[in-house]
Amino acid sequence: MGATKRLSASLEDYIEAIYHITCEKQEARGKDIAARLGVSGASVTEALRSLSQKGLINYTPYEAITMTDLGRTVAEDVVHRHQALKKFFIDVLAIDQEIAEEGACKIEHAAPQEIIDRLVQFTRFLEVCPRGGRDLIQGFSDFFDKGETRIDCEHCISQCLENKPRKS
């Protein structure tokens, strides 16, 4: 995704905000973006000009902002990375939703797509693995909260240790 690589974290936040607003309202306005991101109107104008120059949005001052096809593709990539990270943090690492949201927002800009894809696959694996599944994920959550494993985890751990290949 060439356009994504050229976007700063700040511009990714703007394209993501525009995406969400246009999904809700079919179009975005500068004031909607400023309110969503908690930034000034001048900052929004500068970002909109930059995104427009990159061919990601249709922008004319004082008019509604819409996304180009390329802009929608870039925004969907950013949203996908954000959601994948947030899901991993909540479902696998048992992180509080608010902290997971904050962390996903920061990491989505820096993590290579390969890492995001691997986290998604790892989460799917944990959910379907017969030795893991939701029980494994819940077991980790319980371990984190209480500092101890569940009784059924003790049996599983001892079984794993018995079957562990020995080093020569």
Protein backbone atom coordinates (compact mmCIF):
# COMPACT_ATOMS: atom_id res chain seq x y z
CA MET A 1 0.00 0.00 0.00
CA GLY A 2 2.21 2.81 -1.28
CA ALA A 3 0.04 5.70 -0.13
CA THR A 4 -0.12 4.37 3.43
CA LYS A 5 3.66 4.27 3.70
CA ARG A 6 3.82 7.95 2.85
CA LEU A 7 1.26 8.97 5.46
CA SER A 8 2.39 10.17 8.85
CA ALA A 9 0.69 8.83 11.96
CA SER A 10 -1.22 12.11 12.16
CA LEU A 11 -2.53 11.85 8.59
CA GLU A 12 -3.51 8.23 9.22
CA ASP A 13 -5.55 9.47 12.20
CA TYR A 14 -7.25 12.02 9.94
CA ILE A 15 -8.05 9.51 7.17
CA GLU A 16 -9.39 7.10 9.79
CA ALA A 17 -11.57 9.82 11.33
CA ILE A 18 -12.89 10.85 7.91
CA TYR A 19 -13.65 7.21 7.15
CA HIS A 20 -15.67 6.74 10.33
CA ILE A 21 -17.53 10.03 9.89
CA THR A 22 -18.39 9.31 6.26
CA CYS A 23 -19.61 5.84 7.24
CA GLU A 24 -21.95 7.48 9.72
CA LYS A 25 -23.01 10.54 7.71
CA GLN A 26 -21.94 9.84 4.07
CA GLU A 27 -19.78 12.97 4.18
CA ALA A 28 -17.52 14.76 6.62
CA ARG A 29 -17.09 18.38 7.54
CA GLY A 30 -14.04 20.05 9.04
CA LYS A 31 -15.83 20.69 12.32
CA ASP A 32 -16.78 16.98 12.61
CA ILE A 33 -13.14 15.98 12.14
CA ALA A 34 -11.90 18.61 14.60
CA ALA A 35 -14.40 17.44 17.22
CA ARG A 36 -13.57 13.75 16.72
CA LEU A 37 -9.81 14.27 16.96
CA GLY A 38 -9.82 17.15 19.44
CA VAL A 39 -7.77 19.41 17.19
CA SER A 40 -8.08 22.95 15.87
CA GLY A 41 -9.77 23.93 12.63
CA ALA A 42 -6.43 25.12 11.26
CA SER A 43 -4.89 21.69 11.87
CA VAL A 44 -7.81 20.06 10.08
CA THR A 45 -7.47 22.38 7.09
CA GLU A 46 -3.75 21.61 6.77
CA ALA A 47 -4.37 17.86 6.97
CA LEU A 48 -7.24 18.02 4.47
CA ARG A 49 -5.06 19.86 1.96
CA SER A 50 -2.37 17.22 2.34
CA LEU A 51 -4.79 14.29 2.00
CA SER A 52 -6.37 15.96 -1.03
CA GLN A 53 -2.97 16.44 -2.69
CA LYS A 54 -2.30 12.72 -2.17
CA GLY A 55 -5.57 11.90 -3.94
CA LEU A 56 -7.18 10.36 -0.85
CA ILE A 57 -10.08 12.78 -0.35
CA ASN A 58 -12.14 15.28 -2.30
CA TYR A 59 -11.72 18.58 -0.52
CA THR A 60 -12.81 22.11 -1.29
CA PRO A 61 -12.90 24.70 1.55
CA TYR A 62 -16.33 25.05 3.16
CA GLU A 63 -17.68 22.02 1.28
CA ALA A 64 -18.36 18.47 2.42
CA ILE A 65 -15.39 16.11 2.36
CA THR A 66 -15.69 12.76 0.64
CA MET A 67 -13.20 9.95 0.14
CA THR A 68 -11.74 8.80 -3.15
CA ASP A 69 -11.56 5.09 -3.88
CA LEU A 70 -7.86 5.15 -3.01
CA GLY A 71 -8.61 7.06 0.18
CA ARG A 72 -11.23 4.50 1.20
CA THR A 73 -8.73 1.66 0.58
CA VAL A 74 -6.06 3.39 2.66
CA ALA A 75 -8.55 4.18 5.43
CA GLU A 76 -9.86 0.61 5.50
CA ASP A 77 -6.27 -0.60 5.90
CA VAL A 78 -5.73 1.72 8.87
CA VAL A 79 -9.07 0.69 10.41
CA HIS A 80 -8.24 -3.01 9.89
CA ARG A 81 -4.88 -2.63 11.65
CA HIS A 82 -6.52 -0.73 14.51
CA GLN A 83 -9.30 -3.28 14.99
CA ALA A 84 -6.93 -6.26 14.78
CA LEU A 85 -4.66 -4.80 17.45
CA LYS A 86 -7.55 -3.82 19.69
CA LYS A 87 -9.11 -7.29 19.39
CA PHE A 88 -5.78 -8.95 20.23
CA PHE A 89 -5.26 -6.71 23.25
CA ILE A 90 -8.77 -7.32 24.60
CA ASP A 91 -9.40 -10.94 23.63
CA VAL A 92 -5.94 -12.44 24.08
CA LEU A 93 -4.08 -10.18 26.49
CA ALA A 94 -7.16 -9.33 28.58
CA ILE A 95 -6.43 -5.59 28.41
CA ASP A 96 -9.12 -3.13 29.47
CA GLN A 97 -11.05 -1.77 26.46
CA GLU A 98 -10.00 1.86 27.02
CA ILE A 99 -6.31 0.99 27.30
CA ALA A 100 -6.60 -1.38 24.33
CA GLU A 101 -8.10 1.44 22.24
CA GLU A 102 -5.29 3.80 23.19
CA GLY A 103 -2.61 1.20 22.52
CA ALA A 104 -4.11 0.17 19.19
CA CYS A 105 -4.23 3.80 18.09
CA LYS A 106 -0.53 4.24 18.81
CA ILE A 107 0.76 0.92 17.51
CA GLU A 108 -1.35 0.81 14.32
CA HIS A 109 0.91 3.43 12.78
CA ALA A 110 4.18 1.67 13.52
CA ALA A 111 3.54 -2.07 13.28
CA PRO A 112 4.32 -3.64 9.90
CA GLN A 113 1.38 -5.34 8.21
CA GLU A 114 3.08 -8.74 8.60
CA ILE A 115 2.95 -8.38 12.39
CA ILE A 116 -0.71 -7.35 12.33
CA ASP A 117 -1.56 -10.30 10.07
CA ARG A 118 0.33 -12.69 12.36
CA LEU A 119 -1.54 -11.38 15.43
CA VAL A 120 -4.84 -11.95 13.64
CA GLN A 121 -3.83 -15.49 12.70
CA PHE A 122 -2.55 -16.20 16.22
CA THR A 123 -5.85 -15.04 17.72
CA ARG A 124 -7.78 -17.28 15.30
CA PHE A 125 -5.48 -20.19 16.15
CA LEU A 126 -6.02 -19.72 19.88
CA GLU A 127 -9.78 -19.67 19.36
CA VAL A 128 -9.89 -22.95 17.41
CA CYS A 129 -6.96 -24.93 18.87
CA PRO A 130 -8.30 -27.99 20.73
CA ARG A 131 -5.64 -27.54 23.43
CA GLY A 132 -6.35 -23.85 23.67
CA GLY A 133 -9.48 -22.18 22.51
CA ARG A 134 -11.48 -19.84 24.66
CA ASP A 135 -10.45 -21.80 27.76
CA LEU A 136 -6.80 -20.97 27.16
CA ILE A 137 -7.55 -17.31 26.61
CA GLN A 138 -9.77 -17.19 29.71
CA GLY A 139 -7.07 -19.04 31.65
CA PHE A 140 -4.55 -16.35 30.77
CA SER A 141 -7.01 -13.66 31.81
CA ASP A 142 -7.56 -15.42 35.13
CA PHE A 143 -3.80 -15.84 35.57
CA PHE A 144 -3.26 -12.16 34.96
CA ASP A 145 -6.05 -11.09 37.32
CA LYS A 146 -5.30 -13.53 40.14
CA GLY A 147 -1.64 -14.43 39.60
CA GLU A 148 -2.45 -18.12 39.55
CA THR A 149 -3.65 -20.74 37.11
CA ARG A 150 -6.93 -22.61 37.31
CA ILE A 151 -6.96 -26.20 38.54
CA ASP A 152 -7.54 -27.57 35.03
CA CYS A 153 -4.52 -25.56 33.87
CA GLU A 154 -2.32 -27.39 36.39
CA HIS A 155 -3.19 -30.72 34.75
CA CYS A 156 -2.53 -29.35 31.26
CA ILE A 157 0.80 -27.82 32.31
CA SER A 158 1.99 -31.07 33.91
CA GLN A 159 0.94 -32.98 30.78
CA CYS A 160 2.90 -30.58 28.58
CA LEU A 161 5.98 -30.89 30.80
CA GLU A 162 5.80 -34.71 30.62
CA ASN A 163 5.67 -34.61 26.82
CA LYS A 164 8.40 -31.99 26.48
CA PRO A 165 11.25 -33.21 24.25
CA ARG A 166 14.48 -33.61 26.18
CA LYS A 167 17.61 -31.72 25.15
CA SER A 168 20.55 -33.92 24.26
